[in-house]
Structure formats: structure tokens, C-alpha cells
Amino acid sequence: MKRIILSLTALIMAAGVAFADNDKPITVDQLPATAKQFITDYFPDVKVSYAKIDKEIFSKSYEVIFTNGNKVEFDAKGEWKEVDCKFTQVPEGIIPQQIKDYVSSNYQDTKIVKIDRDRRDYEVKLSNRLELKFDLKFNLIEIDD
């Protein structure tokens, strides 16, 4: 009986490893409608280099990389999770107003080059390499340099 259980456990673990980190190239048309609209709204003049889907065992996500080096990650529903604009700045409409206000009043000569959100917080990277973390009520909770 122990052999059967151990064999089944090993088989399940092997199957999980085989399916984990399964990136597959896709076309922009294969993205969820919300993600396609986001790209149209915030990156209308930037050409997409490639898009991919990352299927995990219990989840999937999408990533779009633009020819200028910018990158956007989306969840399974097409909602943005991360916007990384290495050589430009994150489009204003993506950034919550409270975060924009905080950055403009405390770091006038910087721009937001990356924003990341999840269920707990927002993380913002500034052009001066400072990283700010805000809770979901937009209170600053951490500064990292």
C-alpha cells in the first residue's frame, strides 16, 4: 500500500513539474478582451514585440513585451498586474491618483517607471531607483532604495 501511495505521489509531482512554467507564445488577439483594451488605451502607438501565456497548474497569466522594452503582465482575467516602462514612464492613467499626488509632492524631479499591484499592495519604482510600497488605501508603508 505504501508503494502505491508513494508511486502516485511521485507521479503527481512529476506531472506538476511538467506543467509548471509553461510559457507559450500567443498573438495579441488571443489575450483577454480587458488586456487588449488596456494595450489600446495606454500603449496605442507602441508596437508589440511578442505576447505569451504562462500556464501554471492552478493559474495562468499573460505577458506582453513591446518593441521599446516596456512590459505589461496581466492576470487570467486580463487585469494588469505589473507595468514596467524601463526607458519611459508608466502612462498617467494607470497610476492611482493618490500615488501620483504623493510622488509629485515628495519626488518632483522623478517619474514612475514601474508599478506593480496585487491583493495586498501597490509597489512603485521611480526613475531615481527608489521603490515605494503603498497599501490598498494608498498609505505609504515602505521605502526601499
N, C-alpha and C. Protein backbone atom coordinates (compact mmCIF):
# COMPACT_ATOMS: atom_id res chain seq x y z
N MET A 1 0.82 -1.19 0.00
CA MET A 1 0.00 0.00 0.00
C MET A 1 0.86 1.26 0.00
N LYS A 2 1.95 1.22 0.81
CA LYS A 2 2.84 2.37 0.86
C LYS A 2 3.48 2.62 -0.50
N ARG A 3 3.80 1.54 -1.22
CA ARG A 3 4.40 1.69 -2.55
C ARG A 3 3.45 2.38 -3.51
N ILE A 4 2.20 2.01 -3.43
CA ILE A 4 1.20 2.61 -4.33
C ILE A 4 1.06 4.10 -4.03
N ILE A 5 0.96 4.44 -2.75
CA ILE A 5 0.83 5.84 -2.37
C ILE A 5 2.07 6.63 -2.78
N LEU A 6 3.25 6.08 -2.53
CA LEU A 6 4.49 6.75 -2.94
C LEU A 6 4.57 6.90 -4.45
N SER A 7 4.16 5.88 -5.17
CA SER A 7 4.18 5.94 -6.64
C SER A 7 3.22 7.00 -7.16
N LEU A 8 2.02 7.04 -6.59
CA LEU A 8 1.04 8.05 -7.01
C LEU A 8 1.53 9.46 -6.66
N THR A 9 2.12 9.62 -5.50
CA THR A 9 2.65 10.93 -5.11
C THR A 9 3.75 11.37 -6.07
N ALA A 10 4.65 10.46 -6.40
CA ALA A 10 5.73 10.78 -7.34
C ALA A 10 5.18 11.13 -8.71
N LEU A 11 4.18 10.41 -9.15
CA LEU A 11 3.56 10.67 -10.45
C LEU A 11 2.89 12.03 -10.48
N ILE A 12 2.18 12.37 -9.43
CA ILE A 12 1.51 13.68 -9.35
C ILE A 12 2.54 14.80 -9.32
N MET A 13 3.60 14.63 -8.57
CA MET A 13 4.64 15.65 -8.51
C MET A 13 5.34 15.82 -9.86
N ALA A 14 5.60 14.72 -10.54
CA ALA A 14 6.23 14.79 -11.86
C ALA A 14 5.32 15.50 -12.86
N ALA A 15 4.04 15.22 -12.79
CA ALA A 15 3.09 15.89 -13.69
C ALA A 15 3.04 17.38 -13.39
N GLY A 16 3.09 17.74 -12.12
CA GLY A 16 3.09 19.15 -11.74
C GLY A 16 4.31 19.88 -12.25
N VAL A 17 5.46 19.26 -12.16
CA VAL A 17 6.69 19.87 -12.66
C VAL A 17 6.63 20.00 -14.18
N ALA A 18 6.06 19.02 -14.84
CA ALA A 18 5.98 19.05 -16.30
C ALA A 18 5.09 20.19 -16.79
N PHE A 19 4.06 20.53 -16.04
CA PHE A 19 3.13 21.57 -16.48
C PHE A 19 3.47 22.95 -15.92
N ALA A 20 4.30 23.01 -14.93
CA ALA A 20 4.66 24.30 -14.35
C ALA A 20 5.58 25.07 -15.29
N ASP A 21 5.49 26.38 -15.22
CA ASP A 21 6.32 27.27 -16.03
C ASP A 21 6.21 26.95 -17.51
N ASN A 22 5.00 26.87 -17.98
CA ASN A 22 4.75 26.50 -19.36
C ASN A 22 4.40 27.76 -20.16
N ASP A 23 5.42 28.50 -20.59
CA ASP A 23 5.22 29.71 -21.39
C ASP A 23 4.96 29.31 -22.83
N LYS A 24 3.96 29.95 -23.43
CA LYS A 24 3.62 29.65 -24.81
C LYS A 24 3.37 30.97 -25.53
N PRO A 25 4.02 31.19 -26.67
CA PRO A 25 3.75 32.43 -27.41
C PRO A 25 2.32 32.46 -27.93
N ILE A 26 1.73 33.64 -27.91
CA ILE A 26 0.38 33.82 -28.43
C ILE A 26 0.34 35.13 -29.22
N THR A 27 -0.74 35.33 -29.92
CA THR A 27 -0.93 36.61 -30.61
C THR A 27 -1.69 37.56 -29.67
N VAL A 28 -1.63 38.83 -29.97
CA VAL A 28 -2.35 39.81 -29.16
C VAL A 28 -3.85 39.52 -29.20
N ASP A 29 -4.34 39.02 -30.31
CA ASP A 29 -5.76 38.69 -30.43
C ASP A 29 -6.19 37.59 -29.46
N GLN A 30 -5.26 36.80 -28.95
CA GLN A 30 -5.58 35.72 -28.03
C GLN A 30 -5.61 36.18 -26.56
N LEU A 31 -5.27 37.43 -26.32
CA LEU A 31 -5.35 37.98 -24.96
C LEU A 31 -6.81 38.18 -24.57
N PRO A 32 -7.11 38.20 -23.28
CA PRO A 32 -8.47 38.54 -22.84
C PRO A 32 -8.83 39.95 -23.32
N ALA A 33 -10.10 40.19 -23.52
CA ALA A 33 -10.58 41.48 -24.03
C ALA A 33 -10.11 42.65 -23.17
N THR A 34 -10.10 42.47 -21.86
CA THR A 34 -9.67 43.53 -20.95
C THR A 34 -8.21 43.91 -21.20
N ALA A 35 -7.36 42.92 -21.43
CA ALA A 35 -5.94 43.17 -21.70
C ALA A 35 -5.76 43.87 -23.05
N LYS A 36 -6.50 43.44 -24.04
CA LYS A 36 -6.41 44.08 -25.37
C LYS A 36 -6.83 45.55 -25.27
N GLN A 37 -7.89 45.82 -24.53
CA GLN A 37 -8.36 47.20 -24.38
C GLN A 37 -7.33 48.04 -23.63
N PHE A 38 -6.70 47.46 -22.62
CA PHE A 38 -5.66 48.14 -21.86
C PHE A 38 -4.52 48.57 -22.78
N ILE A 39 -4.08 47.67 -23.63
CA ILE A 39 -3.00 47.97 -24.58
C ILE A 39 -3.43 49.09 -25.53
N THR A 40 -4.64 49.01 -26.03
CA THR A 40 -5.17 50.04 -26.94
C THR A 40 -5.25 51.40 -26.24
N ASP A 41 -5.69 51.41 -25.00
CA ASP A 41 -5.87 52.66 -24.25
C ASP A 41 -4.54 53.30 -23.85
N TYR A 42 -3.59 52.50 -23.37
CA TYR A 42 -2.39 53.07 -22.76
C TYR A 42 -1.11 52.96 -23.59
N PHE A 43 -1.11 52.11 -24.60
CA PHE A 43 0.06 51.94 -25.45
C PHE A 43 -0.35 51.93 -26.93
N PRO A 44 -1.11 52.94 -27.36
CA PRO A 44 -1.68 52.90 -28.72
C PRO A 44 -0.63 53.00 -29.83
N ASP A 45 0.47 53.68 -29.57
CA ASP A 45 1.46 53.90 -30.62
C ASP A 45 2.70 53.03 -30.47
N VAL A 46 2.65 52.05 -29.59
CA VAL A 46 3.81 51.19 -29.35
C VAL A 46 3.52 49.81 -29.95
N LYS A 47 4.46 49.32 -30.70
CA LYS A 47 4.29 48.01 -31.36
C LYS A 47 4.62 46.87 -30.39
N VAL A 48 3.80 45.83 -30.44
CA VAL A 48 4.02 44.66 -29.60
C VAL A 48 5.10 43.79 -30.24
N SER A 49 6.11 43.46 -29.47
CA SER A 49 7.16 42.56 -29.93
C SER A 49 6.66 41.12 -29.87
N TYR A 50 6.15 40.74 -28.70
CA TYR A 50 5.54 39.41 -28.57
C TYR A 50 4.66 39.37 -27.32
N ALA A 51 3.81 38.37 -27.31
CA ALA A 51 2.94 38.12 -26.17
C ALA A 51 3.04 36.64 -25.84
N LYS A 52 2.83 36.32 -24.57
CA LYS A 52 2.87 34.92 -24.18
C LYS A 52 1.90 34.66 -23.04
N ILE A 53 1.52 33.40 -22.92
CA ILE A 53 0.67 32.95 -21.83
C ILE A 53 1.52 32.02 -20.96
N ASP A 54 1.39 32.16 -19.68
CA ASP A 54 2.11 31.31 -18.73
C ASP A 54 1.08 30.51 -17.97
N LYS A 55 1.00 29.23 -18.29
CA LYS A 55 0.04 28.36 -17.62
C LYS A 55 0.72 27.59 -16.51
N GLU A 56 0.23 27.79 -15.32
CA GLU A 56 0.67 27.04 -14.15
C GLU A 56 -0.40 25.99 -13.87
N ILE A 57 -0.20 25.21 -12.85
CA ILE A 57 -1.15 24.15 -12.53
C ILE A 57 -2.52 24.72 -12.19
N PHE A 58 -2.56 25.76 -11.36
CA PHE A 58 -3.84 26.31 -10.92
C PHE A 58 -4.10 27.73 -11.40
N SER A 59 -3.25 28.26 -12.25
CA SER A 59 -3.45 29.64 -12.69
C SER A 59 -2.83 29.86 -14.06
N LYS A 60 -3.15 31.01 -14.62
CA LYS A 60 -2.47 31.42 -15.85
C LYS A 60 -2.35 32.93 -15.83
N SER A 61 -1.36 33.41 -16.56
CA SER A 61 -1.14 34.85 -16.67
C SER A 61 -0.62 35.13 -18.07
N TYR A 62 -0.63 36.40 -18.40
CA TYR A 62 -0.21 36.84 -19.73
C TYR A 62 0.88 37.89 -19.58
N GLU A 63 1.76 37.94 -20.57
CA GLU A 63 2.81 38.95 -20.59
C GLU A 63 2.91 39.50 -22.00
N VAL A 64 3.01 40.81 -22.10
CA VAL A 64 3.16 41.47 -23.39
C VAL A 64 4.42 42.32 -23.32
N ILE A 65 5.31 42.12 -24.29
CA ILE A 65 6.55 42.89 -24.36
C ILE A 65 6.48 43.73 -25.63
N PHE A 66 6.76 45.02 -25.47
CA PHE A 66 6.71 45.95 -26.58
C PHE A 66 8.11 46.13 -27.18
N THR A 67 8.17 46.62 -28.41
CA THR A 67 9.45 46.79 -29.09
C THR A 67 10.35 47.81 -28.41
N ASN A 68 9.79 48.71 -27.62
CA ASN A 68 10.61 49.71 -26.92
C ASN A 68 11.12 49.21 -25.56
N GLY A 69 10.85 47.95 -25.24
CA GLY A 69 11.32 47.36 -23.99
C GLY A 69 10.32 47.38 -22.85
N ASN A 70 9.22 48.10 -23.01
CA ASN A 70 8.19 48.12 -21.98
C ASN A 70 7.53 46.74 -21.89
N LYS A 71 6.99 46.45 -20.70
CA LYS A 71 6.38 45.14 -20.47
C LYS A 71 5.15 45.31 -19.60
N VAL A 72 4.10 44.53 -19.90
CA VAL A 72 2.90 44.52 -19.07
C VAL A 72 2.56 43.07 -18.77
N GLU A 73 2.25 42.80 -17.51
CA GLU A 73 1.78 41.47 -17.10
C GLU A 73 0.31 41.58 -16.71
N PHE A 74 -0.46 40.57 -17.12
CA PHE A 74 -1.89 40.52 -16.84
C PHE A 74 -2.23 39.23 -16.12
N ASP A 75 -3.31 39.26 -15.31
CA ASP A 75 -3.79 38.04 -14.68
C ASP A 75 -4.68 37.28 -15.66
N ALA A 76 -5.27 36.21 -15.22
CA ALA A 76 -6.09 35.36 -16.09
C ALA A 76 -7.29 36.09 -16.67
N LYS A 77 -7.80 37.10 -15.97
CA LYS A 77 -8.96 37.86 -16.45
C LYS A 77 -8.56 39.02 -17.36
N GLY A 78 -7.25 39.27 -17.48
CA GLY A 78 -6.80 40.37 -18.33
C GLY A 78 -6.60 41.68 -17.58
N GLU A 79 -6.67 41.64 -16.24
CA GLU A 79 -6.41 42.83 -15.43
C GLU A 79 -4.90 42.98 -15.26
N TRP A 80 -4.40 44.20 -15.36
CA TRP A 80 -2.95 44.38 -15.25
C TRP A 80 -2.46 44.08 -13.84
N LYS A 81 -1.29 43.45 -13.77
CA LYS A 81 -0.63 43.17 -12.51
C LYS A 81 0.64 44.00 -12.37
N GLU A 82 1.34 44.19 -13.50
CA GLU A 82 2.59 44.94 -13.48
C GLU A 82 2.77 45.66 -14.81
N VAL A 83 3.23 46.90 -14.71
CA VAL A 83 3.58 47.69 -15.89
C VAL A 83 5.01 48.17 -15.66
N ASP A 84 5.91 47.75 -16.53
CA ASP A 84 7.32 48.07 -16.40
C ASP A 84 7.77 48.84 -17.63
N CYS A 85 8.06 50.12 -17.45
CA CYS A 85 8.49 51.00 -18.55
C CYS A 85 9.93 51.42 -18.27
N LYS A 86 10.86 50.56 -18.60
CA LYS A 86 12.26 50.77 -18.26
C LYS A 86 12.83 52.08 -18.80
N PHE A 87 12.47 52.43 -20.02
CA PHE A 87 13.09 53.57 -20.68
C PHE A 87 12.15 54.76 -20.85
N THR A 88 10.92 54.61 -20.40
CA THR A 88 9.95 55.70 -20.47
C THR A 88 9.31 55.82 -19.10
N GLN A 89 8.09 56.29 -19.04
CA GLN A 89 7.38 56.31 -17.77
C GLN A 89 6.04 55.62 -17.92
N VAL A 90 5.51 55.15 -16.81
CA VAL A 90 4.21 54.49 -16.80
C VAL A 90 3.15 55.51 -17.21
N PRO A 91 2.28 55.17 -18.13
CA PRO A 91 1.22 56.11 -18.53
C PRO A 91 0.42 56.59 -17.31
N GLU A 92 0.15 57.89 -17.29
CA GLU A 92 -0.52 58.54 -16.15
C GLU A 92 -1.83 57.88 -15.75
N GLY A 93 -2.62 57.45 -16.72
CA GLY A 93 -3.94 56.90 -16.43
C GLY A 93 -3.92 55.60 -15.67
N ILE A 94 -2.80 54.93 -15.63
CA ILE A 94 -2.68 53.65 -14.93
C ILE A 94 -2.46 53.87 -13.43
N ILE A 95 -1.79 54.93 -13.09
CA ILE A 95 -1.37 55.19 -11.71
C ILE A 95 -2.53 55.79 -10.91
N PRO A 96 -2.88 55.19 -9.78
CA PRO A 96 -3.93 55.78 -8.93
C PRO A 96 -3.57 57.21 -8.53
N GLN A 97 -4.56 58.07 -8.47
CA GLN A 97 -4.35 59.50 -8.21
C GLN A 97 -3.60 59.74 -6.90
N GLN A 98 -3.91 58.99 -5.85
CA GLN A 98 -3.25 59.20 -4.57
C GLN A 98 -1.74 58.94 -4.66
N ILE A 99 -1.35 57.94 -5.46
CA ILE A 99 0.07 57.64 -5.64
C ILE A 99 0.72 58.75 -6.47
N LYS A 100 0.05 59.19 -7.52
CA LYS A 100 0.57 60.31 -8.32
C LYS A 100 0.79 61.54 -7.45
N ASP A 101 -0.19 61.84 -6.61
CA ASP A 101 -0.08 63.02 -5.74
C ASP A 101 1.10 62.90 -4.78
N TYR A 102 1.26 61.73 -4.18
CA TYR A 102 2.37 61.53 -3.24
C TYR A 102 3.72 61.70 -3.94
N VAL A 103 3.87 61.07 -5.09
CA VAL A 103 5.14 61.14 -5.81
C VAL A 103 5.42 62.57 -6.28
N SER A 104 4.41 63.24 -6.82
CA SER A 104 4.65 64.60 -7.33
C SER A 104 4.97 65.59 -6.20
N SER A 105 4.43 65.38 -5.00
CA SER A 105 4.72 66.31 -3.91
C SER A 105 6.02 65.97 -3.18
N ASN A 106 6.47 64.73 -3.22
CA ASN A 106 7.66 64.33 -2.47
C ASN A 106 8.89 64.06 -3.34
N TYR A 107 8.68 63.79 -4.61
CA TYR A 107 9.79 63.47 -5.52
C TYR A 107 9.53 64.15 -6.86
N GLN A 108 9.57 65.48 -6.86
CA GLN A 108 9.17 66.29 -8.01
C GLN A 108 9.95 65.98 -9.29
N ASP A 109 11.21 65.69 -9.19
CA ASP A 109 12.04 65.50 -10.38
C ASP A 109 12.14 64.05 -10.83
N THR A 110 11.23 63.22 -10.40
CA THR A 110 11.27 61.81 -10.80
C THR A 110 10.02 61.44 -11.58
N LYS A 111 10.10 60.30 -12.22
CA LYS A 111 8.92 59.75 -12.89
C LYS A 111 8.75 58.29 -12.46
N ILE A 112 7.54 57.81 -12.55
CA ILE A 112 7.26 56.42 -12.19
C ILE A 112 7.57 55.56 -13.41
N VAL A 113 8.50 54.61 -13.23
CA VAL A 113 8.90 53.76 -14.35
C VAL A 113 8.36 52.33 -14.23
N LYS A 114 7.80 52.01 -13.05
CA LYS A 114 7.24 50.68 -12.87
C LYS A 114 6.18 50.73 -11.79
N ILE A 115 5.09 50.00 -12.01
CA ILE A 115 4.06 49.86 -10.97
C ILE A 115 3.60 48.42 -10.97
N ASP A 116 3.40 47.90 -9.77
CA ASP A 116 3.03 46.51 -9.58
C ASP A 116 1.92 46.49 -8.54
N ARG A 117 0.88 45.74 -8.80
CA ARG A 117 -0.19 45.64 -7.80
C ARG A 117 -0.57 44.18 -7.60
N ASP A 118 -0.99 43.90 -6.38
CA ASP A 118 -1.52 42.58 -6.05
C ASP A 118 -2.64 42.75 -5.03
N ARG A 119 -3.01 41.69 -4.38
CA ARG A 119 -4.14 41.74 -3.44
C ARG A 119 -3.83 42.54 -2.17
N ARG A 120 -2.55 42.79 -1.91
CA ARG A 120 -2.16 43.44 -0.66
C ARG A 120 -1.67 44.86 -0.81
N ASP A 121 -1.04 45.18 -1.96
CA ASP A 121 -0.39 46.48 -2.04
C ASP A 121 -0.06 46.89 -3.48
N TYR A 122 0.45 48.09 -3.58
CA TYR A 122 0.99 48.64 -4.82
C TYR A 122 2.48 48.90 -4.57
N GLU A 123 3.30 48.54 -5.53
CA GLU A 123 4.72 48.87 -5.47
C GLU A 123 5.05 49.74 -6.66
N VAL A 124 5.78 50.82 -6.41
CA VAL A 124 6.12 51.78 -7.44
C VAL A 124 7.63 51.97 -7.46
N LYS A 125 8.21 51.93 -8.65
CA LYS A 125 9.64 52.21 -8.79
C LYS A 125 9.79 53.54 -9.51
N LEU A 126 10.63 54.41 -8.94
CA LEU A 126 10.83 55.73 -9.50
C LEU A 126 12.10 55.76 -10.35
N SER A 127 12.21 56.79 -11.18
CA SER A 127 13.38 56.93 -12.06
C SER A 127 14.68 57.13 -11.28
N ASN A 128 14.60 57.52 -10.01
CA ASN A 128 15.80 57.66 -9.18
C ASN A 128 16.13 56.35 -8.44
N ARG A 129 15.47 55.25 -8.85
CA ARG A 129 15.68 53.89 -8.34
C ARG A 129 15.06 53.64 -6.96
N LEU A 130 14.37 54.60 -6.42
CA LEU A 130 13.68 54.43 -5.16
C LEU A 130 12.42 53.59 -5.40
N GLU A 131 12.12 52.71 -4.46
CA GLU A 131 10.91 51.90 -4.56
C GLU A 131 10.00 52.24 -3.39
N LEU A 132 8.75 52.51 -3.70
CA LEU A 132 7.75 52.86 -2.70
C LEU A 132 6.67 51.80 -2.67
N LYS A 133 6.22 51.47 -1.48
CA LYS A 133 5.15 50.49 -1.34
C LYS A 133 3.98 51.15 -0.63
N PHE A 134 2.78 50.99 -1.20
CA PHE A 134 1.56 51.55 -0.64
C PHE A 134 0.58 50.42 -0.34
N ASP A 135 -0.18 50.57 0.75
CA ASP A 135 -1.24 49.60 1.00
C ASP A 135 -2.41 49.90 0.06
N LEU A 136 -3.47 49.14 0.17
CA LEU A 136 -4.60 49.30 -0.74
C LEU A 136 -5.40 50.57 -0.48
N LYS A 137 -5.11 51.26 0.63
CA LYS A 137 -5.73 52.56 0.90
C LYS A 137 -4.79 53.69 0.52
N PHE A 138 -3.70 53.33 -0.16
CA PHE A 138 -2.69 54.27 -0.68
C PHE A 138 -1.89 54.97 0.40
N ASN A 139 -1.75 54.32 1.56
CA ASN A 139 -0.87 54.82 2.59
C ASN A 139 0.54 54.25 2.32
N LEU A 140 1.54 55.11 2.40
CA LEU A 140 2.92 54.64 2.21
C LEU A 140 3.29 53.73 3.36
N ILE A 141 3.77 52.53 3.04
CA ILE A 141 4.13 51.57 4.10
C ILE A 141 5.60 51.18 4.08
N GLU A 142 6.30 51.50 2.96
CA GLU A 142 7.72 51.12 2.91
C GLU A 142 8.42 51.91 1.82
N ILE A 143 9.68 52.25 2.09
CA ILE A 143 10.56 52.88 1.10
C ILE A 143 11.82 52.03 1.03
N ASP A 144 12.22 51.69 -0.17
CA ASP A 144 13.40 50.88 -0.37
C ASP A 144 14.29 51.56 -1.41
N ASP A 145 15.57 51.67 -1.09
CA ASP A 145 16.48 52.29 -2.06
C ASP A 145 17.48 51.32 -2.61
